[in-house]
């Protein structure tokens, strides 16, 4: 019985990542300075990803350094469109300087996979 429960838990945990999962992963990538993995969550061309990664390495890392890094975050909401093709995730991010802000992550569904798009 225990083996069956472990197997079911494993199968359920292997499902496709939700927009909230990807938003949380994105913050972890940013915290670690892994901008390559971060930009790979986006629906962009290879060239656009390279340009965005370079910009993140210069500007995002500097901004995080000034704020004392990210100390914590919490997914506040996840909204998926009625047709299931778009989503928005709001995340409360707290920085080392004790400032907090809500960041919005926008997604589109590509087949069974959610990809980030630039928030407008």
PDB file of N, CA and C in Angstrom:
ATOM      1  N   UNK A   1       0.816  -1.189   0.000  1.00  0.00           N
ATOM      2  CA  UNK A   1       0.000   0.000   0.000  1.00  0.00           C
ATOM      3  C   UNK A   1       0.867   1.264   0.000  1.00  0.00           C
ATOM      4  N   UNK A   2       1.906   1.278   0.831  1.00  0.00           N
ATOM      5  CA  UNK A   2       2.803   2.439   0.902  1.00  0.00           C
ATOM      6  C   UNK A   2       3.494   2.664  -0.433  1.00  0.00           C
ATOM      7  N   UNK A   3       3.897   1.579  -1.091  1.00  0.00           N
ATOM      8  CA  UNK A   3       4.552   1.702  -2.395  1.00  0.00           C
ATOM      9  C   UNK A   3       3.596   2.302  -3.421  1.00  0.00           C
ATOM     10  N   UNK A   4       2.341   1.901  -3.347  1.00  0.00           N
ATOM     11  CA  UNK A   4       1.338   2.430  -4.272  1.00  0.00           C
ATOM     12  C   UNK A   4       1.161   3.930  -4.062  1.00  0.00           C
ATOM     13  N   UNK A   5       1.099   4.380  -2.806  1.00  0.00           N
ATOM     14  CA  UNK A   5       0.953   5.803  -2.508  1.00  0.00           C
ATOM     15  C   UNK A   5       2.165   6.590  -2.994  1.00  0.00           C
ATOM     16  N   UNK A   6       3.357   6.046  -2.810  1.00  0.00           N
ATOM     17  CA  UNK A   6       4.566   6.711  -3.306  1.00  0.00           C
ATOM     18  C   UNK A   6       4.533   6.833  -4.820  1.00  0.00           C
ATOM     19  N   UNK A   7       4.110   5.773  -5.508  1.00  0.00           N
ATOM     20  CA  UNK A   7       4.038   5.793  -6.971  1.00  0.00           C
ATOM     21  C   UNK A   7       3.038   6.840  -7.444  1.00  0.00           C
ATOM     22  N   UNK A   8       1.870   6.895  -6.832  1.00  0.00           N
ATOM     23  CA  UNK A   8       0.848   7.880  -7.208  1.00  0.00           C
ATOM     24  C   UNK A   8       1.384   9.287  -6.959  1.00  0.00           C
ATOM     25  N   UNK A   9       2.021   9.511  -5.841  1.00  0.00           N
ATOM     26  CA  UNK A   9       2.613  10.816  -5.548  1.00  0.00           C
ATOM     27  C   UNK A   9       3.658  11.199  -6.569  1.00  0.00           C
ATOM     28  N   UNK A  10       4.464  10.246  -7.003  1.00  0.00           N
ATOM     29  CA  UNK A  10       5.496  10.509  -8.005  1.00  0.00           C
ATOM     30  C   UNK A  10       4.857  10.882  -9.337  1.00  0.00           C
ATOM     31  N   UNK A  11       3.858  10.136  -9.761  1.00  0.00           N
ATOM     32  CA  UNK A  11       3.193  10.402 -11.038  1.00  0.00           C
ATOM     33  C   UNK A  11       2.540  11.782 -11.020  1.00  0.00           C
ATOM     34  N   UNK A  12       1.869  12.131  -9.931  1.00  0.00           N
ATOM     35  CA  UNK A  12       1.204  13.428  -9.837  1.00  0.00           C
ATOM     36  C   UNK A  12       2.232  14.552  -9.868  1.00  0.00           C
ATOM     37  N   UNK A  13       3.365  14.376  -9.195  1.00  0.00           N
ATOM     38  CA  UNK A  13       4.369  15.433  -9.140  1.00  0.00           C
ATOM     39  C   UNK A  13       5.104  15.610 -10.462  1.00  0.00           C
ATOM     40  N   UNK A  14       4.984  14.677 -11.376  1.00  0.00           N
ATOM     41  CA  UNK A  14       5.677  14.773 -12.658  1.00  0.00           C
ATOM     42  C   UNK A  14       4.844  15.448 -13.737  1.00  0.00           C
ATOM     43  N   UNK A  15       3.695  15.965 -13.390  1.00  0.00           N
ATOM     44  CA  UNK A  15       2.841  16.634 -14.364  1.00  0.00           C
ATOM     45  C   UNK A  15       3.491  17.916 -14.863  1.00  0.00           C
ATOM     46  N   UNK A  16       2.895  18.517 -15.876  1.00  0.00           N
ATOM     47  CA  UNK A  16       3.456  19.759 -16.416  1.00  0.00           C
ATOM     48  C   UNK A  16       3.490  20.868 -15.360  1.00  0.00           C
ATOM     49  N   UNK A  17       4.510  21.701 -15.438  1.00  0.00           N
ATOM     50  CA  UNK A  17       4.659  22.813 -14.498  1.00  0.00           C
ATOM     51  C   UNK A  17       3.538  23.821 -14.697  1.00  0.00           C
ATOM     52  N   UNK A  18       3.018  24.322 -13.598  1.00  0.00           N
ATOM     53  CA  UNK A  18       1.983  25.352 -13.647  1.00  0.00           C
ATOM     54  C   UNK A  18       2.650  26.723 -13.800  1.00  0.00           C
ATOM     55  N   UNK A  19       1.891  27.740 -14.180  1.00  0.00           N
ATOM     56  CA  UNK A  19       2.462  29.085 -14.219  1.00  0.00           C
ATOM     57  C   UNK A  19       3.066  29.499 -12.876  1.00  0.00           C
ATOM     58  N   UNK A  20       2.427  29.145 -11.775  1.00  0.00           N
ATOM     59  CA  UNK A  20       2.970  29.479 -10.453  1.00  0.00           C
ATOM     60  C   UNK A  20       4.304  28.786 -10.211  1.00  0.00           C
ATOM     61  N   UNK A  21       4.418  27.521 -10.638  1.00  0.00           N
ATOM     62  CA  UNK A  21       5.685  26.792 -10.509  1.00  0.00           C
ATOM     63  C   UNK A  21       6.794  27.513 -11.270  1.00  0.00           C
ATOM     64  N   UNK A  22       6.485  27.942 -12.486  1.00  0.00           N
ATOM     65  CA  UNK A  22       7.489  28.585 -13.333  1.00  0.00           C
ATOM     66  C   UNK A  22       7.859  29.954 -12.777  1.00  0.00           C
ATOM     67  N   UNK A  23       6.890  30.688 -12.242  1.00  0.00           N
ATOM     68  CA  UNK A  23       7.189  31.981 -11.624  1.00  0.00           C
ATOM     69  C   UNK A  23       8.135  31.785 -10.439  1.00  0.00           C
ATOM     70  N   UNK A  24       7.860  30.785  -9.603  1.00  0.00           N
ATOM     71  CA  UNK A  24       8.725  30.503  -8.453  1.00  0.00           C
ATOM     72  C   UNK A  24      10.109  30.072  -8.918  1.00  0.00           C
ATOM     73  N   UNK A  25      10.166  29.208  -9.928  1.00  0.00           N
ATOM     74  CA  UNK A  25      11.465  28.800 -10.480  1.00  0.00           C
ATOM     75  C   UNK A  25      12.228  30.011 -11.006  1.00  0.00           C
ATOM     76  N   UNK A  26      11.513  30.913 -11.668  1.00  0.00           N
ATOM     77  CA  UNK A  26      12.148  32.113 -12.223  1.00  0.00           C
ATOM     78  C   UNK A  26      12.812  32.945 -11.135  1.00  0.00           C
ATOM     79  N   UNK A  27      12.129  33.100 -10.020  1.00  0.00           N
ATOM     80  CA  UNK A  27      12.705  33.870  -8.913  1.00  0.00           C
ATOM     81  C   UNK A  27      13.931  33.154  -8.357  1.00  0.00           C
ATOM     82  N   UNK A  28      13.862  31.841  -8.249  1.00  0.00           N
ATOM     83  CA  UNK A  28      15.025  31.083  -7.778  1.00  0.00           C
ATOM     84  C   UNK A  28      16.206  31.242  -8.744  1.00  0.00           C
ATOM     85  N   UNK A  29      15.933  31.209 -10.051  1.00  0.00           N
ATOM     86  CA  UNK A  29      16.999  31.414 -11.036  1.00  0.00           C
ATOM     87  C   UNK A  29      17.622  32.800 -10.878  1.00  0.00           C
ATOM     88  N   UNK A  30      16.779  33.809 -10.699  1.00  0.00           N
ATOM     89  CA  UNK A  30      17.275  35.180 -10.539  1.00  0.00           C
ATOM     90  C   UNK A  30      18.108  35.287  -9.258  1.00  0.00           C
ATOM     91  N   UNK A  31      17.606  34.710  -8.167  1.00  0.00           N
ATOM     92  CA  UNK A  31      18.352  34.735  -6.903  1.00  0.00           C
ATOM     93  C   UNK A  31      19.745  34.119  -7.071  1.00  0.00           C
ATOM     94  N   UNK A  32      19.822  33.046  -7.847  1.00  0.00           N
ATOM     95  CA  UNK A  32      21.082  32.329  -8.046  1.00  0.00           C
ATOM     96  C   UNK A  32      21.956  32.968  -9.128  1.00  0.00           C
ATOM     97  N   UNK A  33      21.428  33.980  -9.809  1.00  0.00           N
ATOM     98  CA  UNK A  33      22.172  34.586 -10.908  1.00  0.00           C
ATOM     99  C   UNK A  33      22.216  33.697 -12.141  1.00  0.00           C
ATOM    100  N   UNK A  34      21.294  32.740 -12.235  1.00  0.00           N
ATOM    101  CA  UNK A  34      21.231  31.810 -13.365  1.00  0.00           C
ATOM    102  C   UNK A  34      20.274  32.374 -14.416  1.00  0.00           C
ATOM    103  N   UNK A  35      20.741  33.411 -15.104  1.00  0.00           N
ATOM    104  CA  UNK A  35      19.888  34.089 -16.076  1.00  0.00           C
ATOM    105  C   UNK A  35      19.663  33.254 -17.329  1.00  0.00           C
ATOM    106  N   UNK A  36      20.541  32.322 -17.602  1.00  0.00           N
ATOM    107  CA  UNK A  36      20.352  31.410 -18.737  1.00  0.00           C
ATOM    108  C   UNK A  36      19.077  30.587 -18.532  1.00  0.00           C
ATOM    109  N   UNK A  37      18.946  29.993 -17.359  1.00  0.00           N
ATOM    110  CA  UNK A  37      17.741  29.208 -17.067  1.00  0.00           C
ATOM    111  C   UNK A  37      16.512  30.104 -17.011  1.00  0.00           C
ATOM    112  N   UNK A  38      16.676  31.293 -16.444  1.00  0.00           N
ATOM    113  CA  UNK A  38      15.561  32.236 -16.358  1.00  0.00           C
ATOM    114  C   UNK A  38      15.011  32.569 -17.738  1.00  0.00           C
ATOM    115  N   UNK A  39      15.867  32.966 -18.668  1.00  0.00           N
ATOM    116  CA  UNK A  39      15.372  33.359 -19.993  1.00  0.00           C
ATOM    117  C   UNK A  39      14.813  32.171 -20.766  1.00  0.00           C
ATOM    118  N   UNK A  40      15.219  30.963 -20.408  1.00  0.00           N
ATOM    119  CA  UNK A  40      14.680  29.785 -21.089  1.00  0.00           C
ATOM    120  C   UNK A  40      13.235  29.505 -20.712  1.00  0.00           C
ATOM    121  N   UNK A  41      12.697  30.223 -19.729  1.00  0.00           N
ATOM    122  CA  UNK A  41      11.278  30.081 -19.387  1.00  0.00           C
ATOM    123  C   UNK A  41      10.400  30.942 -20.290  1.00  0.00           C
ATOM    124  N   UNK A  42      11.013  31.751 -21.151  1.00  0.00           N
ATOM    125  CA  UNK A  42      10.272  32.691 -21.989  1.00  0.00           C
ATOM    126  C   UNK A  42       9.979  32.136 -23.374  1.00  0.00           C
ATOM    127  N   UNK A  43       8.917  32.659 -23.969  1.00  0.00           N
ATOM    128  CA  UNK A  43       8.539  32.368 -25.349  1.00  0.00           C
ATOM    129  C   UNK A  43       9.203  33.434 -26.221  1.00  0.00           C
ATOM    130  N   UNK A  44      10.486  33.199 -26.553  1.00  0.00           N
ATOM    131  CA  UNK A  44      11.297  34.150 -27.329  1.00  0.00           C
ATOM    132  C   UNK A  44      12.190  33.377 -28.283  1.00  0.00           C
ATOM    133  N   UNK A  45      12.667  34.090 -29.272  1.00  0.00           N
ATOM    134  CA  UNK A  45      13.648  33.492 -30.179  1.00  0.00           C
ATOM    135  C   UNK A  45      14.976  33.348 -29.431  1.00  0.00           C
ATOM    136  N   UNK A  46      15.870  32.557 -29.969  1.00  0.00           N
ATOM    137  CA  UNK A  46      17.192  32.363 -29.369  1.00  0.00           C
ATOM    138  C   UNK A  46      17.914  33.700 -29.254  1.00  0.00           C
ATOM    139  N   UNK A  47      17.830  34.517 -30.284  1.00  0.00           N
ATOM    140  CA  UNK A  47      18.492  35.823 -30.281  1.00  0.00           C
ATOM    141  C   UNK A  47      17.907  36.732 -29.197  1.00  0.00           C
ATOM    142  N   UNK A  48      16.581  36.751 -29.092  1.00  0.00           N
ATOM    143  CA  UNK A  48      15.940  37.570 -28.065  1.00  0.00           C
ATOM    144  C   UNK A  48      16.334  37.101 -26.663  1.00  0.00           C
ATOM    145  N   UNK A  49      16.413  35.784 -26.465  1.00  0.00           N
ATOM    146  CA  UNK A  49      16.814  35.243 -25.169  1.00  0.00           C
ATOM    147  C   UNK A  49      18.239  35.683 -24.823  1.00  0.00           C
ATOM    148  N   UNK A  50      19.126  35.647 -25.806  1.00  0.00           N
ATOM    149  CA  UNK A  50      20.508  36.053 -25.570  1.00  0.00           C
ATOM    150  C   UNK A  50      20.575  37.527 -25.163  1.00  0.00           C
ATOM    151  N   UNK A  51      19.853  38.367 -25.875  1.00  0.00           N
ATOM    152  CA  UNK A  51      19.847  39.798 -25.561  1.00  0.00           C
ATOM    153  C   UNK A  51      19.245  40.056 -24.180  1.00  0.00           C
ATOM    154  N   UNK A  52      18.175  39.368 -23.860  1.00  0.00           N
ATOM    155  CA  UNK A  52      17.524  39.557 -22.565  1.00  0.00           C
ATOM    156  C   UNK A  52      18.420  39.049 -21.435  1.00  0.00           C
ATOM    157  N   UNK A  53      19.092  37.918 -21.659  1.00  0.00           N
ATOM    158  CA  UNK A  53      20.017  37.381 -20.659  1.00  0.00           C
ATOM    159  C   UNK A  53      21.126  38.383 -20.371  1.00  0.00           C
ATOM    160  N   UNK A  54      21.699  38.965 -21.425  1.00  0.00           N
ATOM    161  CA  UNK A  54      22.772  39.951 -21.254  1.00  0.00           C
ATOM    162  C   UNK A  54      22.283  41.169 -20.476  1.00  0.00           C
ATOM    163  N   UNK A  55      21.076  41.632 -20.774  1.00  0.00           N
ATOM    164  CA  UNK A  55      20.514  42.760 -20.062  1.00  0.00           C
ATOM    165  C   UNK A  55      20.311  42.412 -18.580  1.00  0.00           C
ATOM    166  N   UNK A  56      19.799  41.208 -18.317  1.00  0.00           N
ATOM    167  CA  UNK A  56      19.586  40.773 -16.933  1.00  0.00           C
ATOM    168  C   UNK A  56      20.904  40.716 -16.166  1.00  0.00           C
ATOM    169  N   UNK A  57      21.934  40.195 -16.810  1.00  0.00           N
ATOM    170  CA  UNK A  57      23.240  40.090 -16.154  1.00  0.00           C
ATOM    171  C   UNK A  57      23.767  41.465 -15.742  1.00  0.00           C
ATOM    172  N   UNK A  58      23.475  42.469 -16.546  1.00  0.00           N
ATOM    173  CA  UNK A  58      23.968  43.818 -16.254  1.00  0.00           C
ATOM    174  C   UNK A  58      23.062  44.565 -15.288  1.00  0.00           C
ATOM    175  N   UNK A  59      21.782  44.616 -15.587  1.00  0.00           N
ATOM    176  CA  UNK A  59      20.866  45.482 -14.847  1.00  0.00           C
ATOM    177  C   UNK A  59      20.184  44.801 -13.665  1.00  0.00           C
ATOM    178  N   UNK A  60      19.660  43.605 -13.864  1.00  0.00           N
ATOM    179  CA  UNK A  60      18.918  42.949 -12.796  1.00  0.00           C
ATOM    180  C   UNK A  60      19.842  42.613 -11.634  1.00  0.00           C
ATOM    181  N   UNK A  61      21.013  42.060 -11.941  1.00  0.00           N
ATOM    182  CA  UNK A  61      21.931  41.694 -10.860  1.00  0.00           C
ATOM    183  C   UNK A  61      22.372  42.930 -10.077  1.00  0.00           C
ATOM    184  N   UNK A  62      22.589  44.042 -10.767  1.00  0.00           N
ATOM    185  CA  UNK A  62      22.984  45.287 -10.095  1.00  0.00           C
ATOM    186  C   UNK A  62      21.847  45.804  -9.207  1.00  0.00           C
ATOM    187  N   UNK A  63      20.624  45.791  -9.731  1.00  0.00           N
ATOM    188  CA  UNK A  63      19.470  46.240  -8.963  1.00  0.00           C
ATOM    189  C   UNK A  63      19.243  45.382  -7.727  1.00  0.00           C
ATOM    190  N   UNK A  64      19.405  44.058  -7.882  1.00  0.00           N
ATOM    191  CA  UNK A  64      19.237  43.163  -6.734  1.00  0.00           C
ATOM    192  C   UNK A  64      20.315  43.405  -5.685  1.00  0.00           C
ATOM    193  N   UNK A  65      21.518  43.654  -6.149  1.00  0.00           N
ATOM    194  CA  UNK A  65      22.616  43.935  -5.222  1.00  0.00           C
ATOM    195  C   UNK A  65      22.303  45.180  -4.390  1.00  0.00           C
ATOM    196  N   UNK A  66      21.780  46.212  -5.051  1.00  0.00           N
ATOM    197  CA  UNK A  66      21.438  47.454  -4.348  1.00  0.00           C
ATOM    198  C   UNK A  66      20.320  47.242  -3.327  1.00  0.00           C
ATOM    199  N   UNK A  67      19.416  46.297  -3.604  1.00  0.00           N
ATOM    200  CA  UNK A  67      18.284  46.038  -2.706  1.00  0.00           C
ATOM    201  C   UNK A  67      18.612  44.975  -1.659  1.00  0.00           C
ATOM    202  N   UNK A  68      19.816  44.440  -1.698  1.00  0.00           N
ATOM    203  CA  UNK A  68      20.186  43.416  -0.723  1.00  0.00           C
ATOM    204  C   UNK A  68      19.721  42.021  -1.095  1.00  0.00           C
ATOM    205  N   UNK A  69      19.431  41.809  -2.369  1.00  0.00           N
ATOM    206  CA  UNK A  69      18.984  40.503  -2.835  1.00  0.00           C
ATOM    207  C   UNK A  69      17.535  40.224  -2.487  1.00  0.00           C
ATOM    208  N   UNK A  70      17.070  39.074  -2.910  1.00  0.00           N
ATOM    209  CA  UNK A  70      15.706  38.629  -2.608  1.00  0.00           C
ATOM    210  C   UNK A  70      15.776  37.765  -1.362  1.00  0.00           C
ATOM    211  N   UNK A  71      15.040  38.149  -0.332  1.00  0.00           N
ATOM    212  CA  UNK A  71      15.044  37.364   0.907  1.00  0.00           C
ATOM    213  C   UNK A  71      13.894  36.369   0.965  1.00  0.00           C
ATOM    214  N   UNK A  72      12.768  36.720   0.337  1.00  0.00           N
ATOM    215  CA  UNK A  72      11.632  35.794   0.321  1.00  0.00           C
ATOM    216  C   UNK A  72      10.669  36.176  -0.792  1.00  0.00           C
ATOM    217  N   UNK A  73       9.789  35.249  -1.095  1.00  0.00           N
ATOM    218  CA  UNK A  73       8.733  35.508  -2.080  1.00  0.00           C
ATOM    219  C   UNK A  73       7.569  34.574  -1.793  1.00  0.00           C
ATOM    220  N   UNK A  74       6.397  35.000  -2.247  1.00  0.00           N
ATOM    221  CA  UNK A  74       5.192  34.198  -2.061  1.00  0.00           C
ATOM    222  C   UNK A  74       4.261  34.434  -3.237  1.00  0.00           C
ATOM    223  N   UNK A  75       3.802  33.358  -3.858  1.00  0.00           N
ATOM    224  CA  UNK A  75       2.805  33.479  -4.919  1.00  0.00           C
ATOM    225  C   UNK A  75       1.507  33.942  -4.276  1.00  0.00           C
ATOM    226  N   UNK A  76       0.995  35.079  -4.766  1.00  0.00           N
ATOM    227  CA  UNK A  76      -0.219  35.674  -4.223  1.00  0.00           C
ATOM    228  C   UNK A  76      -1.444  35.198  -4.997  1.00  0.00           C
ATOM    229  N   UNK A  77      -1.305  35.114  -6.324  1.00  0.00           N
ATOM    230  CA  UNK A  77      -2.447  34.675  -7.129  1.00  0.00           C
ATOM    231  C   UNK A  77      -1.980  34.104  -8.455  1.00  0.00           C
ATOM    232  N   UNK A  78      -2.830  33.249  -9.007  1.00  0.00           N
ATOM    233  CA  UNK A  78      -2.633  32.709 -10.348  1.00  0.00           C
ATOM    234  C   UNK A  78      -3.989  32.769 -11.037  1.00  0.00           C
ATOM    235  N   UNK A  79      -4.030  33.450 -12.173  1.00  0.00           N
ATOM    236  CA  UNK A  79      -5.268  33.583 -12.932  1.00  0.00           C
ATOM    237  C   UNK A  79      -5.041  33.016 -14.319  1.00  0.00           C
ATOM    238  N   UNK A  80      -5.868  32.055 -14.699  1.00  0.00           N
ATOM    239  CA  UNK A  80      -5.785  31.442 -16.027  1.00  0.00           C
ATOM    240  C   UNK A  80      -7.025  31.840 -16.810  1.00  0.00           C
ATOM    241  N   UNK A  81      -6.819  32.257 -18.060  1.00  0.00           N
ATOM    242  CA  UNK A  81      -7.933  32.690 -18.901  1.00  0.00           C
ATOM    243  C   UNK A  81      -8.934  31.552 -19.091  1.00  0.00           C
ATOM    244  N   UNK A  82     -10.170  31.919 -19.443  1.00  0.00           N
ATOM    245  CA  UNK A  82     -11.229  30.921 -19.640  1.00  0.00           C
ATOM    246  C   UNK A  82     -10.865  29.886 -20.682  1.00  0.00           C
ATOM    247  N   UNK A  83     -10.151  30.304 -21.737  1.00  0.00           N
ATOM    248  CA  UNK A  83      -9.781  29.344 -22.778  1.00  0.00           C
ATOM    249  C   UNK A  83      -8.507  28.564 -22.437  1.00  0.00           C
ATOM    250  N   UNK A  84      -7.901  28.861 -21.286  1.00  0.00           N
ATOM    251  CA  UNK A  84      -6.747  28.105 -20.810  1.00  0.00           C
ATOM    252  C   UNK A  84      -5.453  28.350 -21.555  1.00  0.00           C
ATOM    253  N   UNK A  85      -5.363  29.463 -22.292  1.00  0.00           N
ATOM    254  CA  UNK A  85      -4.158  29.715 -23.088  1.00  0.00           C
ATOM    255  C   UNK A  85      -3.261  30.817 -22.532  1.00  0.00           C
ATOM    256  N   UNK A  86      -3.765  31.572 -21.558  1.00  0.00           N
ATOM    257  CA  UNK A  86      -2.983  32.658 -20.983  1.00  0.00           C
ATOM    258  C   UNK A  86      -3.132  32.628 -19.467  1.00  0.00           C
ATOM    259  N   UNK A  87      -2.093  33.125 -18.794  1.00  0.00           N
ATOM    260  CA  UNK A  87      -2.144  33.162 -17.332  1.00  0.00           C
ATOM    261  C   UNK A  87      -1.331  34.338 -16.814  1.00  0.00           C
ATOM    262  N   UNK A  88      -1.703  34.783 -15.630  1.00  0.00           N
ATOM    263  CA  UNK A  88      -0.953  35.814 -14.915  1.00  0.00           C
ATOM    264  C   UNK A  88      -0.741  35.316 -13.496  1.00  0.00           C
ATOM    265  N   UNK A  89       0.489  35.457 -13.024  1.00  0.00           N
ATOM    266  CA  UNK A  89       0.824  35.082 -11.655  1.00  0.00           C
ATOM    267  C   UNK A  89       1.363  36.322 -10.962  1.00  0.00           C
ATOM    268  N   UNK A  90       0.824  36.617  -9.795  1.00  0.00           N
ATOM    269  CA  UNK A  90       1.325  37.727  -8.987  1.00  0.00           C
ATOM    270  C   UNK A  90       2.118  37.147  -7.827  1.00  0.00           C
ATOM    271  N   UNK A  91       3.326  37.701  -7.636  1.00  0.00           N
ATOM    272  CA  UNK A  91       4.222  37.215  -6.596  1.00  0.00           C
ATOM    273  C   UNK A  91       4.658  38.396  -5.734  1.00  0.00           C
ATOM    274  N   UNK A  92       4.551  38.232  -4.428  1.00  0.00           N
ATOM    275  CA  UNK A  92       5.045  39.230  -3.490  1.00  0.00           C
ATOM    276  C   UNK A  92       6.511  38.904  -3.224  1.00  0.00           C
ATOM    277  N   UNK A  93       7.390  39.846  -3.590  1.00  0.00           N
ATOM    278  CA  UNK A  93       8.831  39.658  -3.422  1.00  0.00           C
ATOM    279  C   UNK A  93       9.324  40.619  -2.348  1.00  0.00           C
ATOM    280  N   UNK A  94      10.086  40.096  -1.397  1.00  0.00           N
ATOM    281  CA  UNK A  94      10.685  40.906  -0.341  1.00  0.00           C
ATOM    282  C   UNK A  94      12.199  40.890  -0.522  1.00  0.00           C
ATOM    283  N   UNK A  95      12.787  42.084  -0.423  1.00  0.00           N
ATOM    284  CA  UNK A  95      14.222  42.258  -0.641  1.00  0.00           C
ATOM    285  C   UNK A  95      14.956  42.418   0.684  1.00  0.00           C
ATOM    286  N   UNK A  96      16.272  42.332   0.624  1.00  0.00           N
ATOM    287  CA  UNK A  96      17.115  42.462   1.806  1.00  0.00           C
ATOM    288  C   UNK A  96      16.999  43.808   2.496  1.00  0.00           C
ATOM    289  N   UNK A  97      16.597  44.844   1.758  1.00  0.00           N
ATOM    290  CA  UNK A  97      16.419  46.171   2.359  1.00  0.00           C
ATOM    291  C   UNK A  97      15.032  46.323   2.985  1.00  0.00           C
ATOM    292  N   UNK A  98      14.302  45.228   3.118  1.00  0.00           N
ATOM    293  CA  UNK A  98      12.963  45.155   3.719  1.00  0.00           C
ATOM    294  C   UNK A  98      11.856  45.724   2.835  1.00  0.00           C
ATOM    295  N   UNK A  99      12.177  46.171   1.643  1.00  0.00           N
ATOM    296  CA  UNK A  99      11.145  46.620   0.701  1.00  0.00           C
ATOM    297  C   UNK A  99      10.472  45.392   0.081  1.00  0.00           C
ATOM    298  N   UNK A 100       9.199  45.532  -0.237  1.00  0.00           N
ATOM    299  CA  UNK A 100       8.443  44.467  -0.893  1.00  0.00           C
ATOM    300  C   UNK A 100       7.710  45.042  -2.090  1.00  0.00           C
ATOM    301  N   UNK A 101       7.447  44.183  -3.068  1.00  0.00           N
ATOM    302  CA  UNK A 101       6.670  44.594  -4.235  1.00  0.00           C
ATOM    303  C   UNK A 101       5.968  43.382  -4.822  1.00  0.00           C
ATOM    304  N   UNK A 102       4.884  43.662  -5.525  1.00  0.00           N
ATOM    305  CA  UNK A 102       4.174  42.621  -6.264  1.00  0.00           C
ATOM    306  C   UNK A 102       4.706  42.641  -7.688  1.00  0.00           C
ATOM    307  N   UNK A 103       5.190  41.494  -8.155  1.00  0.00           N
ATOM    308  CA  UNK A 103       5.632  41.348  -9.544  1.00  0.00           C
ATOM    309  C   UNK A 103       4.630  40.471 -10.276  1.00  0.00           C
ATOM    310  N   UNK A 104       4.322  40.861 -11.516  1.00  0.00           N
ATOM    311  CA  UNK A 104       3.400  40.081 -12.341  1.00  0.00           C
ATOM    312  C   UNK A 104       4.191  39.308 -13.391  1.00  0.00           C
ATOM    313  N   UNK A 105       3.872  38.043 -13.496  1.00  0.00           N
ATOM    314  CA  UNK A 105       4.455  37.169 -14.499  1.00  0.00           C
ATOM    315  C   UNK A 105       3.337  36.780 -15.464  1.00  0.00           C
ATOM    316  N   UNK A 106       3.553  36.983 -16.744  1.00  0.00           N
ATOM    317  CA  UNK A 106       2.552  36.666 -17.775  1.00  0.00           C
ATOM    318  C   UNK A 106       2.999  35.412 -18.521  1.00  0.00           C
ATOM    319  N   UNK A 107       2.016  34.577 -18.900  1.00  0.00           N
ATOM    320  CA  UNK A 107       2.305  33.315 -19.561  1.00  0.00           C
ATOM    321  C   UNK A 107       1.360  33.062 -20.730  1.00  0.00           C
ATOM    322  N   UNK A 108       1.849  32.289 -21.694  1.00  0.00           N
ATOM    323  CA  UNK A 108       1.020  31.736 -22.764  1.00  0.00           C
ATOM    324  C   UNK A 108       1.275  30.233 -22.774  1.00  0.00           C
ATOM    325  N   UNK A 109       0.283  29.500 -23.202  1.00  0.00           N
ATOM    326  CA  UNK A 109       0.424  28.044 -23.261  1.00  0.00           C
ATOM    327  C   UNK A 109       0.817  27.638 -24.669  1.00  0.00           C
ATOM    328  N   UNK A 110       1.907  26.886 -24.750  1.00  0.00           N
ATOM    329  CA  UNK A 110       2.432  26.378 -26.019  1.00  0.00           C
ATOM    330  C   UNK A 110       2.303  24.861 -25.970  1.00  0.00           C
ATOM    331  N   UNK A 111       1.227  24.330 -26.546  1.00  0.00           N
ATOM    332  CA  UNK A 111       0.948  22.895 -26.403  1.00  0.00           C
ATOM    333  C   UNK A 111       0.558  22.618 -24.968  1.00  0.00           C
ATOM    334  N   UNK A 112       1.362  21.817 -24.288  1.00  0.00           N
ATOM    335  CA  UNK A 112       1.120  21.507 -22.875  1.00  0.00           C
ATOM    336  C   UNK A 112       2.038  22.294 -21.949  1.00  0.00           C
ATOM    337  N   UNK A 113       2.878  23.163 -22.508  1.00  0.00           N
ATOM    338  CA  UNK A 113       3.908  23.859 -21.735  1.00  0.00           C
ATOM    339  C   UNK A 113       3.582  25.341 -21.613  1.00  0.00           C
ATOM    340  N   UNK A 114       3.710  25.867 -20.404  1.00  0.00           N
ATOM    341  CA  UNK A 114       3.537  27.303 -20.179  1.00  0.00           C
ATOM    342  C   UNK A 114       4.874  27.996 -20.406  1.00  0.00           C
ATOM    343  N   UNK A 115       4.843  29.118 -21.116  1.00  0.00           N
ATOM    344  CA  UNK A 115       6.029  29.929 -21.382  1.00  0.00           C
ATOM    345  C   UNK A 115       5.734  31.359 -20.955  1.00  0.00           C
ATOM    346  N   UNK A 116       6.735  31.989 -20.365  1.00  0.00           N
ATOM    347  CA  UNK A 116       6.582  33.391 -19.975  1.00  0.00           C
ATOM    348  C   UNK A 116       6.610  34.293 -21.204  1.00  0.00           C
ATOM    349  N   UNK A 117       5.900  35.392 -21.107  1.00  0.00           N
ATOM    350  CA  UNK A 117       5.970  36.460 -22.096  1.00  0.00           C
ATOM    351  C   UNK A 117       6.246  37.739 -21.339  1.00  0.00           C
ATOM    352  N   UNK A 118       6.770  38.717 -22.029  1.00  0.00           N
ATOM    353  CA  UNK A 118       7.052  39.993 -21.384  1.00  0.00           C
ATOM    354  C   UNK A 118       5.753  40.648 -20.939  1.00  0.00           C
ATOM    355  N   UNK A 119       5.687  41.047 -19.687  1.00  0.00           N
ATOM    356  CA  UNK A 119       4.519  41.727 -19.156  1.00  0.00           C
ATOM    357  C   UNK A 119       4.446  43.120 -19.774  1.00  0.00           C
ATOM    358  N   UNK A 120       3.236  43.530 -20.111  1.00  0.00           N
ATOM    359  CA  UNK A 120       3.052  44.849 -20.724  1.00  0.00           C
ATOM    360  C   UNK A 120       2.357  45.762 -19.756  1.00  0.00           C
TER     361      UNK A 120
END
